[in-house]
Amino acid sequence: MNNLHYKTNNWEQYNEALINCGSLTFWIDKEATQLWSQTKRMVIMKDLVYLAT
């Protein structure tokens, strides 16, 4: 197996890439967030109705 070595020229960019190596970005559309918030409200109201009974 061949061991290839590369010279890093741009250390700032290299270090930034190492920092962001494990980051994960999610893109969520507005409709999904609205549905999520409505579902959360229903669960809270369901719990309140249950507690009131």
PDB file of N, CA and C in Angstrom:
ATOM      1  N   MET A   1       0.847  -1.175   0.000  1.00  0.00           N
ATOM      2  CA  MET A   1       0.000   0.000   0.000  1.00  0.00           C
ATOM      3  C   MET A   1       0.891   1.236   0.000  1.00  0.00           C
ATOM      4  N   ASN A   2       0.498   2.218  -0.737  1.00  0.00           N
ATOM      5  CA  ASN A   2       1.305   3.420  -0.922  1.00  0.00           C
ATOM      6  C   ASN A   2       0.950   4.476   0.120  1.00  0.00           C
ATOM      7  N   ASN A   3       1.920   4.974   0.871  1.00  0.00           N
ATOM      8  CA  ASN A   3       1.680   6.043   1.842  1.00  0.00           C
ATOM      9  C   ASN A   3       1.909   7.388   1.173  1.00  0.00           C
ATOM     10  N   LEU A   4       0.831   8.101   0.911  1.00  0.00           N
ATOM     11  CA  LEU A   4       0.940   9.418   0.298  1.00  0.00           C
ATOM     12  C   LEU A   4       0.797  10.479   1.373  1.00  0.00           C
ATOM     13  N   HIS A   5       1.634  11.480   1.327  1.00  0.00           N
ATOM     14  CA  HIS A   5       1.563  12.583   2.276  1.00  0.00           C
ATOM     15  C   HIS A   5       1.308  13.872   1.502  1.00  0.00           C
ATOM     16  N   TYR A   6       0.383  14.655   1.997  1.00  0.00           N
ATOM     17  CA  TYR A   6       0.050  15.919   1.364  1.00  0.00           C
ATOM     18  C   TYR A   6       0.439  17.052   2.294  1.00  0.00           C
ATOM     19  N   LYS A   7       0.998  18.087   1.721  1.00  0.00           N
ATOM     20  CA  LYS A   7       1.383  19.255   2.507  1.00  0.00           C
ATOM     21  C   LYS A   7       0.167  20.173   2.625  1.00  0.00           C
ATOM     22  N   THR A   8      -0.183  20.514   3.852  1.00  0.00           N
ATOM     23  CA  THR A   8      -1.307  21.413   4.083  1.00  0.00           C
ATOM     24  C   THR A   8      -0.848  22.845   3.865  1.00  0.00           C
ATOM     25  N   ASN A   9      -1.521  23.532   2.961  1.00  0.00           N
ATOM     26  CA  ASN A   9      -1.145  24.910   2.642  1.00  0.00           C
ATOM     27  C   ASN A   9      -2.003  25.928   3.384  1.00  0.00           C
ATOM     28  N   ASN A  10      -3.260  25.604   3.602  1.00  0.00           N
ATOM     29  CA  ASN A  10      -4.174  26.552   4.219  1.00  0.00           C
ATOM     30  C   ASN A  10      -4.587  26.010   5.588  1.00  0.00           C
ATOM     31  N   TRP A  11      -3.804  26.335   6.609  1.00  0.00           N
ATOM     32  CA  TRP A  11      -4.041  25.789   7.945  1.00  0.00           C
ATOM     33  C   TRP A  11      -5.342  26.294   8.558  1.00  0.00           C
ATOM     34  N   GLU A  12      -5.715  27.520   8.281  1.00  0.00           N
ATOM     35  CA  GLU A  12      -6.959  28.069   8.841  1.00  0.00           C
ATOM     36  C   GLU A  12      -8.161  27.254   8.363  1.00  0.00           C
ATOM     37  N   GLN A  13      -8.202  26.986   7.086  1.00  0.00           N
ATOM     38  CA  GLN A  13      -9.308  26.205   6.517  1.00  0.00           C
ATOM     39  C   GLN A  13      -9.262  24.754   7.017  1.00  0.00           C
ATOM     40  N   TYR A  14      -8.067  24.201   7.132  1.00  0.00           N
ATOM     41  CA  TYR A  14      -7.897  22.829   7.622  1.00  0.00           C
ATOM     42  C   TYR A  14      -8.400  22.701   9.060  1.00  0.00           C
ATOM     43  N   ASN A  15      -8.018  23.636   9.929  1.00  0.00           N
ATOM     44  CA  ASN A  15      -8.450  23.605  11.327  1.00  0.00           C
ATOM     45  C   ASN A  15      -9.962  23.770  11.446  1.00  0.00           C
ATOM     46  N   GLU A  16     -10.529  24.644  10.631  1.00  0.00           N
ATOM     47  CA  GLU A  16     -11.979  24.847  10.649  1.00  0.00           C
ATOM     48  C   GLU A  16     -12.701  23.568  10.217  1.00  0.00           C
ATOM     49  N   ALA A  17     -12.146  22.875   9.238  1.00  0.00           N
ATOM     50  CA  ALA A  17     -12.744  21.617   8.781  1.00  0.00           C
ATOM     51  C   ALA A  17     -12.692  20.566   9.885  1.00  0.00           C
ATOM     52  N   LEU A  18     -11.608  20.539  10.652  1.00  0.00           N
ATOM     53  CA  LEU A  18     -11.507  19.587  11.761  1.00  0.00           C
ATOM     54  C   LEU A  18     -12.535  19.894  12.847  1.00  0.00           C
ATOM     55  N   ILE A  19     -12.746  21.167  13.133  1.00  0.00           N
ATOM     56  CA  ILE A  19     -13.723  21.572  14.151  1.00  0.00           C
ATOM     57  C   ILE A  19     -15.131  21.178  13.715  1.00  0.00           C
ATOM     58  N   ASN A  20     -15.442  21.387  12.432  1.00  0.00           N
ATOM     59  CA  ASN A  20     -16.791  21.118  11.921  1.00  0.00           C
ATOM     60  C   ASN A  20     -16.983  19.674  11.480  1.00  0.00           C
ATOM     61  N   CYS A  21     -16.019  18.842  11.703  1.00  0.00           N
ATOM     62  CA  CYS A  21     -16.054  17.452  11.231  1.00  0.00           C
ATOM     63  C   CYS A  21     -17.294  16.712  11.726  1.00  0.00           C
ATOM     64  N   GLY A  22     -17.668  16.884  12.973  1.00  0.00           N
ATOM     65  CA  GLY A  22     -18.798  16.148  13.525  1.00  0.00           C
ATOM     66  C   GLY A  22     -20.096  16.919  13.540  1.00  0.00           C
ATOM     67  N   SER A  23     -20.131  18.091  12.935  1.00  0.00           N
ATOM     68  CA  SER A  23     -21.363  18.881  12.997  1.00  0.00           C
ATOM     69  C   SER A  23     -22.376  18.367  11.974  1.00  0.00           C
ATOM     70  N   LEU A  24     -23.626  18.530  12.310  1.00  0.00           N
ATOM     71  CA  LEU A  24     -24.706  18.069  11.463  1.00  0.00           C
ATOM     72  C   LEU A  24     -25.751  19.175  11.386  1.00  0.00           C
ATOM     73  N   THR A  25     -26.148  19.534  10.181  1.00  0.00           N
ATOM     74  CA  THR A  25     -27.103  20.614   9.985  1.00  0.00           C
ATOM     75  C   THR A  25     -28.405  20.044   9.432  1.00  0.00           C
ATOM     76  N   PHE A  26     -29.515  20.449  10.012  1.00  0.00           N
ATOM     77  CA  PHE A  26     -30.833  20.037   9.544  1.00  0.00           C
ATOM     78  C   PHE A  26     -31.534  21.234   8.924  1.00  0.00           C
ATOM     79  N   TRP A  27     -32.154  21.014   7.799  1.00  0.00           N
ATOM     80  CA  TRP A  27     -32.977  22.036   7.163  1.00  0.00           C
ATOM     81  C   TRP A  27     -34.421  21.582   7.302  1.00  0.00           C
ATOM     82  N   ILE A  28     -35.216  22.351   8.043  1.00  0.00           N
ATOM     83  CA  ILE A  28     -36.607  21.990   8.298  1.00  0.00           C
ATOM     84  C   ILE A  28     -37.495  23.088   7.733  1.00  0.00           C
ATOM     85  N   ASP A  29     -38.473  22.705   6.918  1.00  0.00           N
ATOM     86  CA  ASP A  29     -39.338  23.720   6.325  1.00  0.00           C
ATOM     87  C   ASP A  29     -40.375  24.220   7.335  1.00  0.00           C
ATOM     88  N   LYS A  30     -41.002  25.337   7.000  1.00  0.00           N
ATOM     89  CA  LYS A  30     -41.939  25.993   7.918  1.00  0.00           C
ATOM     90  C   LYS A  30     -43.152  25.118   8.220  1.00  0.00           C
ATOM     91  N   GLU A  31     -43.621  24.383   7.222  1.00  0.00           N
ATOM     92  CA  GLU A  31     -44.796  23.531   7.434  1.00  0.00           C
ATOM     93  C   GLU A  31     -44.514  22.466   8.496  1.00  0.00           C
ATOM     94  N   ALA A  32     -43.329  21.897   8.454  1.00  0.00           N
ATOM     95  CA  ALA A  32     -42.974  20.872   9.443  1.00  0.00           C
ATOM     96  C   ALA A  32     -42.925  21.463  10.844  1.00  0.00           C
ATOM     97  N   THR A  33     -42.386  22.663  10.990  1.00  0.00           N
ATOM     98  CA  THR A  33     -42.325  23.276  12.318  1.00  0.00           C
ATOM     99  C   THR A  33     -43.719  23.641  12.812  1.00  0.00           C
ATOM    100  N   GLN A  34     -44.595  24.070  11.904  1.00  0.00           N
ATOM    101  CA  GLN A  34     -45.966  24.388  12.312  1.00  0.00           C
ATOM    102  C   GLN A  34     -46.695  23.130  12.770  1.00  0.00           C
ATOM    103  N   LEU A  35     -46.530  22.035  12.031  1.00  0.00           N
ATOM    104  CA  LEU A  35     -47.165  20.777  12.430  1.00  0.00           C
ATOM    105  C   LEU A  35     -46.626  20.300  13.765  1.00  0.00           C
ATOM    106  N   TRP A  36     -45.327  20.448  13.970  1.00  0.00           N
ATOM    107  CA  TRP A  36     -44.720  20.022  15.229  1.00  0.00           C
ATOM    108  C   TRP A  36     -45.268  20.850  16.387  1.00  0.00           C
ATOM    109  N   SER A  37     -45.379  22.157  16.187  1.00  0.00           N
ATOM    110  CA  SER A  37     -45.860  23.005  17.280  1.00  0.00           C
ATOM    111  C   SER A  37     -47.336  22.725  17.567  1.00  0.00           C
ATOM    112  N   GLN A  38     -48.143  22.436  16.552  1.00  0.00           N
ATOM    113  CA  GLN A  38     -49.554  22.096  16.771  1.00  0.00           C
ATOM    114  C   GLN A  38     -49.672  20.778  17.525  1.00  0.00           C
ATOM    115  N   THR A  39     -48.857  19.808  17.172  1.00  0.00           N
ATOM    116  CA  THR A  39     -48.884  18.510  17.850  1.00  0.00           C
ATOM    117  C   THR A  39     -48.511  18.681  19.308  1.00  0.00           C
ATOM    118  N   LYS A  40     -47.518  19.502  19.569  1.00  0.00           N
ATOM    119  CA  LYS A  40     -47.082  19.730  20.941  1.00  0.00           C
ATOM    120  C   LYS A  40     -48.211  20.368  21.753  1.00  0.00           C
ATOM    121  N   ARG A  41     -48.908  21.330  21.169  1.00  0.00           N
ATOM    122  CA  ARG A  41     -50.021  21.978  21.868  1.00  0.00           C
ATOM    123  C   ARG A  41     -51.122  20.966  22.186  1.00  0.00           C
ATOM    124  N   MET A  42     -51.425  20.080  21.236  1.00  0.00           N
ATOM    125  CA  MET A  42     -52.472  19.084  21.462  1.00  0.00           C
ATOM    126  C   MET A  42     -52.103  18.164  22.620  1.00  0.00           C
ATOM    127  N   VAL A  43     -50.860  17.778  22.695  1.00  0.00           N
ATOM    128  CA  VAL A  43     -50.419  16.894  23.772  1.00  0.00           C
ATOM    129  C   VAL A  43     -50.556  17.607  25.105  1.00  0.00           C
ATOM    130  N   ILE A  44     -50.155  18.862  25.166  1.00  0.00           N
ATOM    131  CA  ILE A  44     -50.268  19.622  26.411  1.00  0.00           C
ATOM    132  C   ILE A  44     -51.737  19.751  26.810  1.00  0.00           C
ATOM    133  N   MET A  45     -52.606  20.085  25.845  1.00  0.00           N
ATOM    134  CA  MET A  45     -54.023  20.222  26.161  1.00  0.00           C
ATOM    135  C   MET A  45     -54.599  18.879  26.593  1.00  0.00           C
ATOM    136  N   LYS A  46     -54.178  17.798  25.967  1.00  0.00           N
ATOM    137  CA  LYS A  46     -54.659  16.468  26.342  1.00  0.00           C
ATOM    138  C   LYS A  46     -54.274  16.172  27.789  1.00  0.00           C
ATOM    139  N   ASP A  47     -53.047  16.514  28.163  1.00  0.00           N
ATOM    140  CA  ASP A  47     -52.601  16.288  29.533  1.00  0.00           C
ATOM    141  C   ASP A  47     -53.406  17.132  30.515  1.00  0.00           C
ATOM    142  N   LEU A  48     -53.716  18.376  30.145  1.00  0.00           N
ATOM    143  CA  LEU A  48     -54.482  19.242  31.033  1.00  0.00           C
ATOM    144  C   LEU A  48     -55.896  18.708  31.222  1.00  0.00           C
ATOM    145  N   VAL A  49     -56.505  18.248  30.138  1.00  0.00           N
ATOM    146  CA  VAL A  49     -57.848  17.687  30.231  1.00  0.00           C
ATOM    147  C   VAL A  49     -57.812  16.440  31.099  1.00  0.00           C
ATOM    148  N   TYR A  50     -56.812  15.629  30.935  1.00  0.00           N
ATOM    149  CA  TYR A  50     -56.678  14.408  31.728  1.00  0.00           C
ATOM    150  C   TYR A  50     -56.496  14.751  33.206  1.00  0.00           C
ATOM    151  N   LEU A  51     -55.670  15.768  33.481  1.00  0.00           N
ATOM    152  CA  LEU A  51     -55.430  16.150  34.864  1.00  0.00           C
ATOM    153  C   LEU A  51     -56.668  16.774  35.496  1.00  0.00           C
ATOM    154  N   ALA A  52     -57.485  17.464  34.685  1.00  0.00           N
ATOM    155  CA  ALA A  52     -58.660  18.136  35.216  1.00  0.00           C
ATOM    156  C   ALA A  52     -59.778  17.142  35.536  1.00  0.00           C
ATOM    157  N   THR A  53     -59.763  15.973  34.932  1.00  0.00           N
ATOM    158  CA  THR A  53     -60.840  15.022  35.137  1.00  0.00           C
ATOM    159  C   THR A  53     -60.697  14.224  36.385  1.00  0.00           C
TER     160      THR A  53
END
